Protein backbone atom coordinates (compact mmCIF):
# COMPACT_ATOMS: atom_id res chain seq x y z
CA MET A 1 33.79 -77.43 15.92
CA LEU A 2 30.96 -79.59 14.57
CA THR A 3 30.96 -83.09 16.06
CA LEU A 4 29.27 -86.20 14.67
CA THR A 5 28.61 -89.18 16.92
CA GLU A 6 29.55 -92.66 15.73
CA THR A 7 25.86 -93.58 15.37
CA ALA A 8 25.24 -90.49 13.19
CA VAL A 9 28.19 -91.33 10.94
CA LYS A 10 27.02 -94.95 10.54
CA LYS A 11 23.45 -93.86 9.73
CA ILE A 12 24.63 -91.32 7.14
CA GLU A 13 26.88 -93.96 5.55
CA SER A 14 23.95 -96.39 5.48
CA ILE A 15 21.60 -93.87 3.88
CA LEU A 16 24.13 -92.82 1.25
CA SER A 17 25.03 -96.44 0.40
CA GLU A 18 21.37 -97.11 -0.45
CA MET A 19 21.17 -94.18 -2.89
CA THR A 20 21.42 -95.23 -6.51
CA ASP A 21 22.59 -91.87 -7.83
CA GLY A 22 26.10 -92.19 -6.41
CA ILE A 23 25.60 -89.36 -3.92
CA THR A 24 28.47 -89.21 -1.44
CA SER A 25 27.83 -85.83 0.18
CA ILE A 26 25.41 -84.27 2.61
CA ARG A 27 24.51 -80.69 3.42
CA LEU A 28 23.87 -79.50 6.95
CA THR A 29 21.67 -76.43 7.29
CA ALA A 30 20.95 -73.98 10.09
CA ASP A 31 17.92 -71.77 9.56
CA SER A 32 17.74 -68.95 12.08
CA ASP A 33 14.50 -66.97 12.24
CA SER A 34 15.79 -65.48 15.49
CA PRO A 35 19.34 -65.19 16.80
CA PHE A 36 18.49 -67.64 19.58
CA HIS A 37 16.30 -70.18 17.78
CA ILE A 38 17.97 -72.30 15.13
CA GLU A 39 16.38 -75.07 13.08
CA TYR A 40 18.92 -77.58 11.83
CA GLY A 41 18.60 -79.85 8.82
CA ILE A 42 20.43 -82.58 6.94
CA GLN A 43 20.05 -83.71 3.33
CA PRO A 44 21.96 -85.65 0.67
CA ILE A 45 23.25 -83.45 -2.17
CA PHE A 46 24.59 -83.80 -5.70
CA ASN A 47 27.96 -82.33 -6.69
CA ASP A 48 26.09 -79.60 -8.63
CA ASP A 49 24.65 -78.38 -5.31
CA ILE A 50 28.08 -77.58 -3.87
CA SER A 51 29.17 -73.95 -3.86
CA ARG A 52 32.75 -72.65 -3.95
CA ASP A 53 32.10 -70.84 -0.65
CA ASP A 54 30.85 -73.95 1.19
CA HIS A 55 32.84 -75.27 4.12
CA CYS A 56 33.70 -78.92 3.65
CA MET A 57 34.37 -81.65 6.24
CA GLU A 58 35.79 -84.84 4.81
CA MET A 59 34.73 -88.01 6.59
CA ASP A 60 36.01 -91.50 5.68
CA ASN A 61 33.15 -92.35 3.31
CA PHE A 62 31.33 -89.07 2.67
CA SER A 63 31.70 -85.29 2.70
CA ILE A 64 29.73 -82.71 4.68
CA TYR A 65 29.02 -79.28 3.18
CA ILE A 66 27.84 -76.21 5.08
CA SER A 67 27.17 -72.81 3.55
CA LYS A 68 29.49 -69.97 4.55
CA LYS A 69 26.54 -68.08 6.08
CA GLU A 70 25.34 -71.04 8.17
CA PHE A 71 28.76 -72.36 9.23
CA PRO A 72 29.03 -70.22 12.42
CA LEU A 73 25.66 -71.59 13.61
CA LEU A 74 26.97 -75.18 13.38
CA GLU A 75 30.41 -74.69 14.93
CA ASN A 76 29.58 -75.96 18.43
CA VAL A 77 26.92 -78.50 17.54
CA ILE A 78 26.74 -82.27 18.00
CA LEU A 79 24.93 -84.30 15.33
CA ASP A 80 23.59 -87.59 16.68
CA TYR A 81 21.25 -90.30 15.47
CA LYS A 82 18.82 -91.81 17.95
CA GLU A 83 16.82 -94.95 17.41
CA ASN A 84 14.85 -96.23 20.38
CA ASP A 85 11.24 -96.75 21.54
CA GLU A 86 10.73 -93.03 22.18
CA GLU A 87 12.37 -91.42 19.16
CA GLU A 88 14.08 -92.08 15.87
CA GLY A 89 16.04 -89.66 13.76
CA PHE A 90 18.88 -87.20 13.63
CA SER A 91 19.20 -84.70 16.46
CA PHE A 92 21.29 -81.58 16.83
CA SER A 93 22.42 -80.24 20.20
CA SER A 94 24.84 -77.65 21.49
CA GLN A 95 28.03 -78.74 23.13
CA LYS A 96 29.87 -77.02 25.92
CA ARG A 97 32.62 -74.81 24.64
CA ASP A 98 36.05 -74.35 26.19
CA ASN A 99 35.17 -70.74 26.96
CA ASP A 100 32.35 -71.96 29.26
CA THR A 101 34.96 -72.32 32.02
CA PHE A 102 36.17 -68.74 31.75
CA GLU A 103 37.70 -67.38 34.96
CA GLY A 104 38.07 -63.71 35.80
CA THR A 105 36.34 -60.79 37.45
CA PHE A 106 32.58 -60.44 37.16
CA ALA A 107 32.95 -57.65 34.58
CA GLN A 108 35.43 -59.72 32.54
CA LYS A 109 33.02 -62.69 32.56
CA VAL A 110 30.14 -60.48 31.39
CA LEU A 111 32.21 -58.99 28.56
CA HIS A 112 33.47 -62.42 27.57
CA VAL A 113 29.96 -63.91 27.35
CA VAL A 114 28.63 -60.93 25.38
CA ASN A 115 31.56 -61.04 22.95
CA THR A 116 31.75 -64.81 22.44
CA ARG A 117 28.12 -65.95 22.68
CA ILE A 118 25.57 -63.18 22.48
CA ASN A 119 27.02 -60.85 19.84
CA PRO A 120 27.84 -63.64 17.35
CA ALA A 121 24.19 -64.78 17.53
CA ILE A 122 22.77 -61.27 17.26
CA ALA A 123 25.17 -60.37 14.45
CA GLN A 124 23.36 -62.89 12.23
CA HIS A 125 20.51 -60.35 12.21
CA GLY A 126 22.58 -57.17 12.11
CA GLY A 127 22.45 -56.38 15.83
CA VAL A 128 25.04 -55.77 18.50
CA ILE A 129 25.01 -55.54 22.31
CA SER A 130 27.33 -53.20 24.22
CA ILE A 131 27.89 -53.14 27.97
CA VAL A 132 27.53 -49.53 29.11
CA ASP A 133 27.79 -50.02 32.88
CA ILE A 134 28.06 -52.64 35.60
CA ARG A 135 26.89 -51.76 39.09
CA GLY A 136 27.45 -54.55 41.56
CA TYR A 137 25.96 -57.54 39.77
CA ASP A 138 23.54 -55.48 37.66
CA VAL A 139 24.46 -55.03 33.99
CA TYR A 140 23.34 -52.13 31.78
CA VAL A 141 23.29 -52.94 28.06
CA GLU A 142 22.77 -50.91 24.93
CA MET A 143 21.29 -52.52 21.84
CA GLY A 144 22.72 -51.30 18.54
CA GLY A 145 22.51 -52.04 14.84
CA ASN A 146 19.19 -53.56 13.82
CA CYS A 147 18.26 -54.09 17.49
CA GLN A 148 18.04 -50.36 18.20
CA GLY A 149 14.45 -49.36 17.61
CA CYS A 150 13.30 -52.84 16.56
CA SER A 151 9.82 -53.66 17.78
CA LEU A 152 11.05 -57.15 18.76
CA SER A 153 14.12 -55.98 20.67
CA PHE A 154 12.45 -56.81 23.98
CA ILE A 155 12.30 -60.48 22.87
CA THR A 156 15.98 -60.44 21.93
CA LEU A 157 16.76 -58.81 25.28
CA LYS A 158 14.73 -61.33 27.30
CA ASN A 159 15.35 -64.57 25.39
CA GLY A 160 18.88 -63.91 24.22
CA VAL A 161 20.74 -61.38 26.32
CA ILE A 162 19.21 -61.91 29.77
CA ASN A 163 18.83 -65.70 29.48
CA GLY A 164 22.28 -66.04 27.89
CA LEU A 165 23.97 -64.04 30.63
CA LYS A 166 22.09 -65.80 33.45
CA GLU A 167 22.88 -69.22 32.02
CA ALA A 168 26.59 -68.44 31.75
CA ILE A 169 26.92 -66.33 34.92
CA PRO A 170 24.41 -67.49 37.57
CA GLU A 171 25.38 -64.72 40.01
CA ILE A 172 24.22 -61.97 37.65
CA GLY A 173 21.57 -59.59 38.98
CA GLU A 174 19.36 -57.44 36.75
CA VAL A 175 20.06 -56.84 33.06
CA ILE A 176 18.79 -53.37 32.20
CA ASP A 177 18.19 -52.06 28.67
CA ALA A 178 19.74 -48.57 28.51
CA THR A 179 19.05 -48.17 24.77
CA ASP A 180 17.45 -45.05 23.33
CA HIS A 181 15.28 -46.97 20.86
CA ASN A 182 13.83 -43.77 19.37
CA ALA A 183 17.29 -42.70 18.22
CA GLY A 184 17.63 -45.63 15.78
CA GLU A 185 17.62 -44.97 12.04
CA THR A 186 14.31 -46.79 11.64
CA PRO A 187 12.85 -46.88 15.15
CA PHE A 188 9.60 -48.74 15.67
CA TYR A 189 9.00 -47.12 19.09
CA SER A 190 7.38 -43.89 17.97
C-alpha cells in the first residue's frame, strides 16, 4: 500500500492551494526502464487528465491518481517531503512489506521471494524466473519470457535476481543461471 507522510500531505496541500486553476488532484508516476530501477514522479493534474482505469486514493483535501500500469510499482512505496540544509523536495522510498518476515524452509523462502518480489518486477518487462533446482544453499534459476535470450539478461540476473535473493535471504549461496538462452524465440546469444 502506498503511504504518504504527514509532511508530504501538508506540502501537497500547500502546493495545490496556491494553484489558481482549482486543481485538487495529483498524479504519481513510476517509470521503469529496468525491472529493478524505478524513477518516481509527482505532478498536479486537471480532471481531463484522469483516466477511467486510474487507481484513485482520496485524501482529505486532494485526490491521488496512479495509472493501472504503474500502480503495482507504487504499492509498497513511502512518499515523503524533506526540507532541510542538505535537501529539499519529495522523495520516494520502499517500505518493508509484511512478507519480509516470512518463515519456512530455505526452499520455501526462495520460492516466496521469487514469487512475491522478483517475478512481479520482471513481469513488467515480460520476463519470468523459475526455480529449477536447489542444492544446499545454491539456487538454479531459469529465465523465461523476454528474459530468455535477451542480451541484457545477465544484468537482470545480477542486479535483480541475485541481489534480490541475497537481500531477502542472507544465507543463500550461489545463484546459477540454468537457462538455454539460444532456445528463446528471439535469442540474442547466437
